[in-house]
Amino acid sequence: MFGGRKGGGGSGGAAAADAQEEIIIPRNFKLLEELEKFEKGVSGVGISAGLVDADDIFLVEWNCSMLGLPGTVYQDRFYTLRVTCTPDYPNEPPIVRFVDRINMAFVDQGN
């Protein structure tokens, strides 16, 4: 959907077709898109998220919750997470922490 324009009118069309342009979507645009999905319920069944502080214009701290997947040992369990989107997001993944103590092999108990 997003990408560099290739070809198209004018004498510079051939040059534009040869050069690969990379369009970088600003961090806040990406985060606003994610927030909108959660607010509209488009994110998927069993997961929700929103800003910790509605006035956070930098969209840094998020509260998330999710239900364990049906058919797994996590079924019928409710998990609460805190997600921090650093200034390097989306180039770097967010920092995700479980709010409640959780006992899973792949979760660092040191928080």
PDB file of N, CA and C in Angstrom:
ATOM      1  N   MET A   1       0.819  -1.184   0.000  1.00  0.00           N
ATOM      2  CA  MET A   1       0.000   0.000   0.000  1.00  0.00           C
ATOM      3  C   MET A   1       0.865   1.250   0.000  1.00  0.00           C
ATOM      4  N   PHE A   2       1.789   1.343   0.961  1.00  0.00           N
ATOM      5  CA  PHE A   2       2.692   2.480   0.975  1.00  0.00           C
ATOM      6  C   PHE A   2       3.952   2.088   0.234  1.00  0.00           C
ATOM      7  N   GLY A   3       4.482   2.983  -0.528  1.00  0.00           N
ATOM      8  CA  GLY A   3       5.714   2.690  -1.247  1.00  0.00           C
ATOM      9  C   GLY A   3       6.077   3.866  -2.109  1.00  0.00           C
ATOM     10  N   GLY A   4       7.234   3.786  -2.701  1.00  0.00           N
ATOM     11  CA  GLY A   4       7.677   4.861  -3.566  1.00  0.00           C
ATOM     12  C   GLY A   4       6.896   4.878  -4.860  1.00  0.00           C
ATOM     13  N   ARG A   5       6.718   6.050  -5.414  1.00  0.00           N
ATOM     14  CA  ARG A   5       6.043   6.177  -6.694  1.00  0.00           C
ATOM     15  C   ARG A   5       7.013   5.776  -7.782  1.00  0.00           C
ATOM     16  N   LYS A   6       6.571   4.945  -8.683  1.00  0.00           N
ATOM     17  CA  LYS A   6       7.421   4.516  -9.778  1.00  0.00           C
ATOM     18  C   LYS A   6       6.834   5.020 -11.075  1.00  0.00           C
ATOM     19  N   GLY A   7       7.719   5.534 -11.920  1.00  0.00           N
ATOM     20  CA  GLY A   7       7.284   6.008 -13.235  1.00  0.00           C
ATOM     21  C   GLY A   7       6.382   7.212 -13.100  1.00  0.00           C
ATOM     22  N   GLY A   8       5.512   7.382 -14.062  1.00  0.00           N
ATOM     23  CA  GLY A   8       4.554   8.477 -13.989  1.00  0.00           C
ATOM     24  C   GLY A   8       5.096   9.717 -14.644  1.00  0.00           C
ATOM     25  N   GLY A   9       4.261  10.534 -15.138  1.00  0.00           N
ATOM     26  CA  GLY A   9       4.474  11.740 -15.938  1.00  0.00           C
ATOM     27  C   GLY A   9       5.789  12.460 -15.778  1.00  0.00           C
ATOM     28  N   GLY A  10       6.034  13.329 -16.735  1.00  0.00           N
ATOM     29  CA  GLY A  10       7.224  14.165 -16.720  1.00  0.00           C
ATOM     30  C   GLY A  10       8.435  13.435 -17.230  1.00  0.00           C
ATOM     31  N   SER A  11       9.477  14.214 -17.491  1.00  0.00           N
ATOM     32  CA  SER A  11      10.689  13.630 -18.045  1.00  0.00           C
ATOM     33  C   SER A  11      11.482  12.859 -16.998  1.00  0.00           C
ATOM     34  N   GLY A  12      11.195  13.059 -15.734  1.00  0.00           N
ATOM     35  CA  GLY A  12      11.919  12.361 -14.682  1.00  0.00           C
ATOM     36  C   GLY A  12      11.324  11.006 -14.355  1.00  0.00           C
ATOM     37  N   GLY A  13      10.306  10.572 -15.095  1.00  0.00           N
ATOM     38  CA  GLY A  13       9.631   9.314 -14.812  1.00  0.00           C
ATOM     39  C   GLY A  13      10.563   8.126 -14.841  1.00  0.00           C
ATOM     40  N   ALA A  14      11.451   8.057 -15.832  1.00  0.00           N
ATOM     41  CA  ALA A  14      12.365   6.928 -15.940  1.00  0.00           C
ATOM     42  C   ALA A  14      13.335   6.914 -14.766  1.00  0.00           C
ATOM     43  N   ALA A  15      13.814   8.083 -14.380  1.00  0.00           N
ATOM     44  CA  ALA A  15      14.747   8.157 -13.259  1.00  0.00           C
ATOM     45  C   ALA A  15      14.054   7.735 -11.967  1.00  0.00           C
ATOM     46  N   ALA A  16      12.799   8.143 -11.811  1.00  0.00           N
ATOM     47  CA  ALA A  16      12.052   7.777 -10.608  1.00  0.00           C
ATOM     48  C   ALA A  16      11.802   6.278 -10.562  1.00  0.00           C
ATOM     49  N   ALA A  17      11.608   5.666 -11.727  1.00  0.00           N
ATOM     50  CA  ALA A  17      11.362   4.229 -11.774  1.00  0.00           C
ATOM     51  C   ALA A  17      12.618   3.457 -11.388  1.00  0.00           C
ATOM     52  N   ASP A  18      13.789   4.005 -11.713  1.00  0.00           N
ATOM     53  CA  ASP A  18      15.043   3.326 -11.404  1.00  0.00           C
ATOM     54  C   ASP A  18      15.427   3.480  -9.938  1.00  0.00           C
ATOM     55  N   ALA A  19      15.103   4.596  -9.344  1.00  0.00           N
ATOM     56  CA  ALA A  19      15.485   4.855  -7.947  1.00  0.00           C
ATOM     57  C   ALA A  19      14.442   4.238  -7.022  1.00  0.00           C
ATOM     58  N   GLN A  20      14.891   3.527  -6.015  1.00  0.00           N
ATOM     59  CA  GLN A  20      13.968   2.957  -5.044  1.00  0.00           C
ATOM     60  C   GLN A  20      13.859   3.919  -3.879  1.00  0.00           C
ATOM     61  N   GLU A  21      12.653   4.401  -3.666  1.00  0.00           N
ATOM     62  CA  GLU A  21      12.401   5.303  -2.562  1.00  0.00           C
ATOM     63  C   GLU A  21      11.811   4.513  -1.405  1.00  0.00           C
ATOM     64  N   GLU A  22      12.258   4.834  -0.217  1.00  0.00           N
ATOM     65  CA  GLU A  22      11.696   4.198   0.965  1.00  0.00           C
ATOM     66  C   GLU A  22      10.891   5.241   1.720  1.00  0.00           C
ATOM     67  N   ILE A  23       9.628   4.965   1.898  1.00  0.00           N
ATOM     68  CA  ILE A  23       8.764   5.866   2.636  1.00  0.00           C
ATOM     69  C   ILE A  23       8.762   5.404   4.085  1.00  0.00           C
ATOM     70  N   ILE A  24       9.094   6.290   4.986  1.00  0.00           N
ATOM     71  CA  ILE A  24       9.123   5.962   6.405  1.00  0.00           C
ATOM     72  C   ILE A  24       7.891   6.565   7.058  1.00  0.00           C
ATOM     73  N   ILE A  25       7.090   5.704   7.659  1.00  0.00           N
ATOM     74  CA  ILE A  25       5.892   6.161   8.347  1.00  0.00           C
ATOM     75  C   ILE A  25       6.311   6.613   9.738  1.00  0.00           C
ATOM     76  N   PRO A  26       5.980   7.850  10.119  1.00  0.00           N
ATOM     77  CA  PRO A  26       6.361   8.338  11.443  1.00  0.00           C
ATOM     78  C   PRO A  26       5.822   7.448  12.564  1.00  0.00           C
ATOM     79  N   ARG A  27       6.596   7.341  13.621  1.00  0.00           N
ATOM     80  CA  ARG A  27       6.291   6.495  14.773  1.00  0.00           C
ATOM     81  C   ARG A  27       4.876   6.730  15.286  1.00  0.00           C
ATOM     82  N   ASN A  28       4.507   7.998  15.504  1.00  0.00           N
ATOM     83  CA  ASN A  28       3.196   8.287  16.074  1.00  0.00           C
ATOM     84  C   ASN A  28       2.062   7.908  15.128  1.00  0.00           C
ATOM     85  N   PHE A  29       2.279   7.983  13.819  1.00  0.00           N
ATOM     86  CA  PHE A  29       1.247   7.562  12.872  1.00  0.00           C
ATOM     87  C   PHE A  29       0.972   6.078  13.047  1.00  0.00           C
ATOM     88  N   LYS A  30       2.042   5.294  13.163  1.00  0.00           N
ATOM     89  CA  LYS A  30       1.907   3.847  13.342  1.00  0.00           C
ATOM     90  C   LYS A  30       1.190   3.541  14.650  1.00  0.00           C
ATOM     91  N   LEU A  31       1.578   4.221  15.732  1.00  0.00           N
ATOM     92  CA  LEU A  31       0.957   3.978  17.028  1.00  0.00           C
ATOM     93  C   LEU A  31      -0.491   4.435  17.059  1.00  0.00           C
ATOM     94  N   LEU A  32      -0.805   5.541  16.409  1.00  0.00           N
ATOM     95  CA  LEU A  32      -2.198   5.995  16.336  1.00  0.00           C
ATOM     96  C   LEU A  32      -3.054   4.990  15.579  1.00  0.00           C
ATOM     97  N   GLU A  33      -2.485   4.388  14.545  1.00  0.00           N
ATOM     98  CA  GLU A  33      -3.185   3.349  13.797  1.00  0.00           C
ATOM     99  C   GLU A  33      -3.473   2.148  14.709  1.00  0.00           C
ATOM    100  N   GLU A  34      -2.482   1.752  15.513  1.00  0.00           N
ATOM    101  CA  GLU A  34      -2.669   0.638  16.444  1.00  0.00           C
ATOM    102  C   GLU A  34      -3.738   0.981  17.483  1.00  0.00           C
ATOM    103  N   LEU A  35      -3.687   2.185  18.039  1.00  0.00           N
ATOM    104  CA  LEU A  35      -4.659   2.613  19.040  1.00  0.00           C
ATOM    105  C   LEU A  35      -6.073   2.588  18.458  1.00  0.00           C
ATOM    106  N   GLU A  36      -6.217   3.060  17.240  1.00  0.00           N
ATOM    107  CA  GLU A  36      -7.528   3.073  16.580  1.00  0.00           C
ATOM    108  C   GLU A  36      -8.075   1.650  16.417  1.00  0.00           C
ATOM    109  N   LYS A  37      -7.205   0.705  16.045  1.00  0.00           N
ATOM    110  CA  LYS A  37      -7.636  -0.692  15.908  1.00  0.00           C
ATOM    111  C   LYS A  37      -8.154  -1.230  17.234  1.00  0.00           C
ATOM    112  N   PHE A  38      -7.451  -0.942  18.318  1.00  0.00           N
ATOM    113  CA  PHE A  38      -7.887  -1.426  19.626  1.00  0.00           C
ATOM    114  C   PHE A  38      -9.191  -0.764  20.051  1.00  0.00           C
ATOM    115  N   GLU A  39      -9.326   0.535  19.793  1.00  0.00           N
ATOM    116  CA  GLU A  39     -10.542   1.245  20.180  1.00  0.00           C
ATOM    117  C   GLU A  39     -11.751   0.752  19.404  1.00  0.00           C
ATOM    118  N   LYS A  40     -11.556   0.343  18.160  1.00  0.00           N
ATOM    119  CA  LYS A  40     -12.654  -0.145  17.328  1.00  0.00           C
ATOM    120  C   LYS A  40     -12.891  -1.643  17.485  1.00  0.00           C
ATOM    121  N   GLY A  41     -12.018  -2.318  18.240  1.00  0.00           N
ATOM    122  CA  GLY A  41     -12.177  -3.746  18.445  1.00  0.00           C
ATOM    123  C   GLY A  41     -11.754  -4.590  17.263  1.00  0.00           C
ATOM    124  N   VAL A  42     -10.906  -4.048  16.398  1.00  0.00           N
ATOM    125  CA  VAL A  42     -10.457  -4.758  15.205  1.00  0.00           C
ATOM    126  C   VAL A  42      -9.226  -5.609  15.499  1.00  0.00           C
ATOM    127  N   SER A  43      -8.651  -5.474  16.654  1.00  0.00           N
ATOM    128  CA  SER A  43      -7.377  -6.129  16.981  1.00  0.00           C
ATOM    129  C   SER A  43      -7.480  -7.639  17.081  1.00  0.00           C
ATOM    130  N   GLY A  44      -8.633  -8.141  17.325  1.00  0.00           N
ATOM    131  CA  GLY A  44      -8.785  -9.587  17.448  1.00  0.00           C
ATOM    132  C   GLY A  44      -9.496  -9.942  18.737  1.00  0.00           C
ATOM    133  N   VAL A  45     -10.019 -11.139  18.764  1.00  0.00           N
ATOM    134  CA  VAL A  45     -10.748 -11.613  19.928  1.00  0.00           C
ATOM    135  C   VAL A  45      -9.750 -11.980  21.027  1.00  0.00           C
ATOM    136  N   GLY A  46     -10.059 -11.547  22.242  1.00  0.00           N
ATOM    137  CA  GLY A  46      -9.239 -11.944  23.371  1.00  0.00           C
ATOM    138  C   GLY A  46      -8.063 -11.040  23.673  1.00  0.00           C
ATOM    139  N   ILE A  47      -7.961  -9.907  22.985  1.00  0.00           N
ATOM    140  CA  ILE A  47      -6.865  -8.983  23.271  1.00  0.00           C
ATOM    141  C   ILE A  47      -7.395  -7.552  23.214  1.00  0.00           C
ATOM    142  N   SER A  48      -6.932  -6.746  24.164  1.00  0.00           N
ATOM    143  CA  SER A  48      -7.308  -5.333  24.167  1.00  0.00           C
ATOM    144  C   SER A  48      -6.124  -4.515  24.663  1.00  0.00           C
ATOM    145  N   ALA A  49      -6.106  -3.249  24.289  1.00  0.00           N
ATOM    146  CA  ALA A  49      -5.020  -2.359  24.717  1.00  0.00           C
ATOM    147  C   ALA A  49      -5.490  -0.919  24.633  1.00  0.00           C
ATOM    148  N   GLY A  50      -4.846  -0.100  25.405  1.00  0.00           N
ATOM    149  CA  GLY A  50      -5.117   1.333  25.398  1.00  0.00           C
ATOM    150  C   GLY A  50      -4.012   2.048  26.139  1.00  0.00           C
ATOM    151  N   LEU A  51      -3.991   3.336  26.006  1.00  0.00           N
ATOM    152  CA  LEU A  51      -2.958   4.137  26.651  1.00  0.00           C
ATOM    153  C   LEU A  51      -3.159   4.183  28.161  1.00  0.00           C
ATOM    154  N   VAL A  52      -2.079   4.162  28.906  1.00  0.00           N
ATOM    155  CA  VAL A  52      -2.134   4.313  30.354  1.00  0.00           C
ATOM    156  C   VAL A  52      -2.685   5.698  30.681  1.00  0.00           C
ATOM    157  N   ASP A  53      -2.192   6.705  29.992  1.00  0.00           N
ATOM    158  CA  ASP A  53      -2.611   8.094  30.188  1.00  0.00           C
ATOM    159  C   ASP A  53      -3.175   8.607  28.864  1.00  0.00           C
ATOM    160  N   ALA A  54      -4.451   8.914  28.830  1.00  0.00           N
ATOM    161  CA  ALA A  54      -5.095   9.375  27.595  1.00  0.00           C
ATOM    162  C   ALA A  54      -4.463  10.654  27.054  1.00  0.00           C
ATOM    163  N   ASP A  55      -3.771  11.405  27.899  1.00  0.00           N
ATOM    164  CA  ASP A  55      -3.125  12.648  27.476  1.00  0.00           C
ATOM    165  C   ASP A  55      -1.689  12.451  27.008  1.00  0.00           C
ATOM    166  N   ASP A  56      -1.234  11.207  26.937  1.00  0.00           N
ATOM    167  CA  ASP A  56       0.130  10.890  26.513  1.00  0.00           C
ATOM    168  C   ASP A  56       0.255  11.110  24.998  1.00  0.00           C
ATOM    169  N   ILE A  57       0.725  12.286  24.597  1.00  0.00           N
ATOM    170  CA  ILE A  57       0.796  12.611  23.164  1.00  0.00           C
ATOM    171  C   ILE A  57       1.904  11.846  22.451  1.00  0.00           C
ATOM    172  N   PHE A  58       2.821  11.241  23.202  1.00  0.00           N
ATOM    173  CA  PHE A  58       3.896  10.467  22.584  1.00  0.00           C
ATOM    174  C   PHE A  58       3.568   8.974  22.511  1.00  0.00           C
ATOM    175  N   LEU A  59       2.416   8.572  23.083  1.00  0.00           N
ATOM    176  CA  LEU A  59       1.914   7.200  22.972  1.00  0.00           C
ATOM    177  C   LEU A  59       2.942   6.177  23.455  1.00  0.00           C
ATOM    178  N   VAL A  60       3.486   6.404  24.642  1.00  0.00           N
ATOM    179  CA  VAL A  60       4.584   5.579  25.157  1.00  0.00           C
ATOM    180  C   VAL A  60       4.094   4.390  25.968  1.00  0.00           C
ATOM    181  N   GLU A  61       3.285   4.604  27.001  1.00  0.00           N
ATOM    182  CA  GLU A  61       2.880   3.543  27.931  1.00  0.00           C
ATOM    183  C   GLU A  61       1.475   3.031  27.608  1.00  0.00           C
ATOM    184  N   TRP A  62       1.368   1.718  27.459  1.00  0.00           N
ATOM    185  CA  TRP A  62       0.104   1.061  27.118  1.00  0.00           C
ATOM    186  C   TRP A  62      -0.223  -0.005  28.148  1.00  0.00           C
ATOM    187  N   ASN A  63      -1.509  -0.149  28.471  1.00  0.00           N
ATOM    188  CA  ASN A  63      -2.019  -1.281  29.238  1.00  0.00           C
ATOM    189  C   ASN A  63      -2.615  -2.258  28.240  1.00  0.00           C
ATOM    190  N   CYS A  64      -2.292  -3.521  28.396  1.00  0.00           N
ATOM    191  CA  CYS A  64      -2.823  -4.552  27.503  1.00  0.00           C
ATOM    192  C   CYS A  64      -3.380  -5.691  28.341  1.00  0.00           C
ATOM    193  N   SER A  65      -4.357  -6.354  27.792  1.00  0.00           N
ATOM    194  CA  SER A  65      -4.880  -7.549  28.434  1.00  0.00           C
ATOM    195  C   SER A  65      -5.203  -8.567  27.357  1.00  0.00           C
ATOM    196  N   MET A  66      -5.088  -9.836  27.735  1.00  0.00           N
ATOM    197  CA  MET A  66      -5.394 -10.884  26.770  1.00  0.00           C
ATOM    198  C   MET A  66      -5.855 -12.139  27.498  1.00  0.00           C
ATOM    199  N   LEU A  67      -6.661 -12.896  26.783  1.00  0.00           N
ATOM    200  CA  LEU A  67      -7.141 -14.179  27.271  1.00  0.00           C
ATOM    201  C   LEU A  67      -6.269 -15.275  26.701  1.00  0.00           C
ATOM    202  N   GLY A  68      -6.052 -16.319  27.508  1.00  0.00           N
ATOM    203  CA  GLY A  68      -5.296 -17.466  27.019  1.00  0.00           C
ATOM    204  C   GLY A  68      -6.018 -18.125  25.853  1.00  0.00           C
ATOM    205  N   LEU A  69      -5.266 -18.682  24.932  1.00  0.00           N
ATOM    206  CA  LEU A  69      -5.847 -19.297  23.737  1.00  0.00           C
ATOM    207  C   LEU A  69      -6.639 -20.552  24.082  1.00  0.00           C
ATOM    208  N   PRO A  70      -7.812 -20.692  23.480  1.00  0.00           N
ATOM    209  CA  PRO A  70      -8.595 -21.908  23.689  1.00  0.00           C
ATOM    210  C   PRO A  70      -7.816 -23.133  23.216  1.00  0.00           C
ATOM    211  N   GLY A  71      -7.995 -24.232  23.926  1.00  0.00           N
ATOM    212  CA  GLY A  71      -7.327 -25.464  23.549  1.00  0.00           C
ATOM    213  C   GLY A  71      -5.886 -25.563  24.012  1.00  0.00           C
ATOM    214  N   THR A  72      -5.447 -24.600  24.828  1.00  0.00           N
ATOM    215  CA  THR A  72      -4.089 -24.640  25.367  1.00  0.00           C
ATOM    216  C   THR A  72      -4.165 -24.667  26.893  1.00  0.00           C
ATOM    217  N   VAL A  73      -3.035 -24.878  27.540  1.00  0.00           N
ATOM    218  CA  VAL A  73      -3.018 -24.856  29.010  1.00  0.00           C
ATOM    219  C   VAL A  73      -3.302 -23.448  29.545  1.00  0.00           C
ATOM    220  N   TYR A  74      -3.269 -22.445  28.688  1.00  0.00           N
ATOM    221  CA  TYR A  74      -3.503 -21.056  29.093  1.00  0.00           C
ATOM    222  C   TYR A  74      -4.965 -20.651  28.935  1.00  0.00           C
ATOM    223  N   GLN A  75      -5.791 -21.570  28.438  1.00  0.00           N
ATOM    224  CA  GLN A  75      -7.209 -21.304  28.229  1.00  0.00           C
ATOM    225  C   GLN A  75      -7.869 -20.839  29.519  1.00  0.00           C
ATOM    226  N   ASP A  76      -8.788 -19.894  29.411  1.00  0.00           N
ATOM    227  CA  ASP A  76      -9.568 -19.347  30.529  1.00  0.00           C
ATOM    228  C   ASP A  76      -8.724 -18.558  31.523  1.00  0.00           C
ATOM    229  N   ARG A  77      -7.528 -18.185  31.138  1.00  0.00           N
ATOM    230  CA  ARG A  77      -6.694 -17.334  31.995  1.00  0.00           C
ATOM    231  C   ARG A  77      -6.647 -15.930  31.408  1.00  0.00           C
ATOM    232  N   PHE A  78      -6.551 -14.966  32.295  1.00  0.00           N
ATOM    233  CA  PHE A  78      -6.534 -13.558  31.897  1.00  0.00           C
ATOM    234  C   PHE A  78      -5.179 -12.974  32.256  1.00  0.00           C
ATOM    235  N   TYR A  79      -4.523 -12.359  31.293  1.00  0.00           N
ATOM    236  CA  TYR A  79      -3.185 -11.807  31.498  1.00  0.00           C
ATOM    237  C   TYR A  79      -3.201 -10.304  31.282  1.00  0.00           C
ATOM    238  N   THR A  80      -2.502  -9.583  32.158  1.00  0.00           N
ATOM    239  CA  THR A  80      -2.377  -8.137  32.051  1.00  0.00           C
ATOM    240  C   THR A  80      -0.922  -7.797  31.787  1.00  0.00           C
ATOM    241  N   LEU A  81      -0.687  -6.923  30.821  1.00  0.00           N
ATOM    242  CA  LEU A  81       0.675  -6.552  30.435  1.00  0.00           C
ATOM    243  C   LEU A  81       0.818  -5.035  30.384  1.00  0.00           C
ATOM    244  N   ARG A  82       2.055  -4.590  30.519  1.00  0.00           N
ATOM    245  CA  ARG A  82       2.395  -3.179  30.317  1.00  0.00           C
ATOM    246  C   ARG A  82       3.359  -3.144  29.144  1.00  0.00           C
ATOM    247  N   VAL A  83       3.055  -2.319  28.175  1.00  0.00           N
ATOM    248  CA  VAL A  83       3.876  -2.208  26.971  1.00  0.00           C
ATOM    249  C   VAL A  83       4.420  -0.798  26.885  1.00  0.00           C
ATOM    250  N   THR A  84       5.736  -0.690  26.677  1.00  0.00           N
ATOM    251  CA  THR A  84       6.395   0.606  26.531  1.00  0.00           C
ATOM    252  C   THR A  84       6.955   0.708  25.125  1.00  0.00           C
ATOM    253  N   CYS A  85       6.488   1.701  24.392  1.00  0.00           N
ATOM    254  CA  CYS A  85       6.970   1.935  23.027  1.00  0.00           C
ATOM    255  C   CYS A  85       8.035   3.026  23.088  1.00  0.00           C
ATOM    256  N   THR A  86       9.265   2.636  22.892  1.00  0.00           N
ATOM    257  CA  THR A  86      10.379   3.581  22.959  1.00  0.00           C
ATOM    258  C   THR A  86      10.392   4.479  21.719  1.00  0.00           C
ATOM    259  N   PRO A  87      11.217   5.511  21.714  1.00  0.00           N
ATOM    260  CA  PRO A  87      11.313   6.373  20.528  1.00  0.00           C
ATOM    261  C   PRO A  87      11.761   5.620  19.271  1.00  0.00           C
ATOM    262  N   ASP A  88      12.371   4.442  19.438  1.00  0.00           N
ATOM    263  CA  ASP A  88      12.840   3.665  18.286  1.00  0.00           C
ATOM    264  C   ASP A  88      11.767   2.765  17.683  1.00  0.00           C
ATOM    265  N   TYR A  89      10.567   2.716  18.291  1.00  0.00           N
ATOM    266  CA  TYR A  89       9.474   1.928  17.734  1.00  0.00           C
ATOM    267  C   TYR A  89       9.026   2.575  16.431  1.00  0.00           C
ATOM    268  N   PRO A  90       8.738   1.870  15.368  1.00  0.00           N
ATOM    269  CA  PRO A  90       8.588   0.438  15.177  1.00  0.00           C
ATOM    270  C   PRO A  90       9.855  -0.264  14.700  1.00  0.00           C
ATOM    271  N   ASN A  91      10.971   0.448  14.613  1.00  0.00           N
ATOM    272  CA  ASN A  91      12.221  -0.196  14.198  1.00  0.00           C
ATOM    273  C   ASN A  91      12.746  -1.154  15.261  1.00  0.00           C
ATOM    274  N   GLU A  92      12.418  -0.900  16.507  1.00  0.00           N
ATOM    275  CA  GLU A  92      12.766  -1.768  17.625  1.00  0.00           C
ATOM    276  C   GLU A  92      11.471  -2.215  18.294  1.00  0.00           C
ATOM    277  N   PRO A  93      11.399  -3.454  18.752  1.00  0.00           N
ATOM    278  CA  PRO A  93      10.152  -3.910  19.384  1.00  0.00           C
ATOM    279  C   PRO A  93       9.900  -3.190  20.704  1.00  0.00           C
ATOM    280  N   PRO A  94       8.639  -3.127  21.108  1.00  0.00           N
ATOM    281  CA  PRO A  94       8.336  -2.498  22.401  1.00  0.00           C
ATOM    282  C   PRO A  94       8.812  -3.378  23.549  1.00  0.00           C
ATOM    283  N   ILE A  95       8.886  -2.782  24.724  1.00  0.00           N
ATOM    284  CA  ILE A  95       9.223  -3.520  25.940  1.00  0.00           C
ATOM    285  C   ILE A  95       7.909  -4.016  26.529  1.00  0.00           C
ATOM    286  N   VAL A  96       7.799  -5.320  26.735  1.00  0.00           N
ATOM    287  CA  VAL A  96       6.561  -5.922  27.232  1.00  0.00           C
ATOM    288  C   VAL A  96       6.844  -6.585  28.576  1.00  0.00           C
ATOM    289  N   ARG A  97       6.019  -6.240  29.582  1.00  0.00           N
ATOM    290  CA  ARG A  97       6.156  -6.815  30.911  1.00  0.00           C
ATOM    291  C   ARG A  97       4.796  -7.311  31.388  1.00  0.00           C
ATOM    292  N   PHE A  98       4.771  -8.457  32.043  1.00  0.00           N
ATOM    293  CA  PHE A  98       3.547  -8.917  32.680  1.00  0.00           C
ATOM    294  C   PHE A  98       3.350  -8.120  33.956  1.00  0.00           C
ATOM    295  N   VAL A  99       2.139  -7.648  34.196  1.00  0.00           N
ATOM    296  CA  VAL A  99       1.842  -6.879  35.409  1.00  0.00           C
ATOM    297  C   VAL A  99       1.758  -7.820  36.601  1.00  0.00           C
ATOM    298  N   ASP A 100       1.050  -8.920  36.432  1.00  0.00           N
ATOM    299  CA  ASP A 100       0.912  -9.914  37.492  1.00  0.00           C
ATOM    300  C   ASP A 100       2.062 -10.908  37.409  1.00  0.00           C
ATOM    301  N   ARG A 101       2.403 -11.454  38.535  1.00  0.00           N
ATOM    302  CA  ARG A 101       3.436 -12.500  38.547  1.00  0.00           C
ATOM    303  C   ARG A 101       2.916 -13.687  37.740  1.00  0.00           C
ATOM    304  N   ILE A 102       3.771 -14.224  36.904  1.00  0.00           N
ATOM    305  CA  ILE A 102       3.345 -15.300  36.020  1.00  0.00           C
ATOM    306  C   ILE A 102       4.429 -16.375  35.997  1.00  0.00           C
ATOM    307  N   ASN A 103       4.016 -17.606  35.918  1.00  0.00           N
ATOM    308  CA  ASN A 103       4.962 -18.711  35.936  1.00  0.00           C
ATOM    309  C   ASN A 103       4.918 -19.428  34.603  1.00  0.00           C
ATOM    310  N   MET A 104       5.719 -18.958  33.661  1.00  0.00           N
ATOM    311  CA  MET A 104       5.847 -19.577  32.351  1.00  0.00           C
ATOM    312  C   MET A 104       7.338 -19.701  32.058  1.00  0.00           C
ATOM    313  N   ALA A 105       7.701 -20.777  31.430  1.00  0.00           N
ATOM    314  CA  ALA A 105       9.121 -21.046  31.166  1.00  0.00           C
ATOM    315  C   ALA A 105       9.778 -19.945  30.352  1.00  0.00           C
ATOM    316  N   PHE A 106       9.062 -19.317  29.463  1.00  0.00           N
ATOM    317  CA  PHE A 106       9.649 -18.334  28.563  1.00  0.00           C
ATOM    318  C   PHE A 106       9.517 -16.900  29.051  1.00  0.00           C
ATOM    319  N   VAL A 107       9.082 -16.712  30.321  1.00  0.00           N
ATOM    320  CA  VAL A 107       8.922 -15.375  30.887  1.00  0.00           C
ATOM    321  C   VAL A 107       9.965 -15.169  31.977  1.00  0.00           C
ATOM    322  N   ASP A 108      10.730 -14.075  31.853  1.00  0.00           N
ATOM    323  CA  ASP A 108      11.752 -13.744  32.833  1.00  0.00           C
ATOM    324  C   ASP A 108      11.096 -13.385  34.169  1.00  0.00           C
ATOM    325  N   GLN A 109      11.398 -14.141  35.202  1.00  0.00           N
ATOM    326  CA  GLN A 109      10.797 -13.913  36.518  1.00  0.00           C
ATOM    327  C   GLN A 109      11.359 -12.676  37.202  1.00  0.00           C
ATOM    328  N   GLY A 110      12.480 -12.151  36.698  1.00  0.00           N
ATOM    329  CA  GLY A 110      13.085 -10.959  37.286  1.00  0.00           C
ATOM    330  C   GLY A 110      12.367  -9.677  36.906  1.00  0.00           C
ATOM    331  N   ASN A 111      11.393  -9.793  36.012  1.00  0.00           N
ATOM    332  CA  ASN A 111      10.599  -8.682  35.527  1.00  0.00           C
ATOM    333  C   ASN A 111      11.491  -7.755  34.752  1.00  0.00           C
TER     334      ASN A 111
END
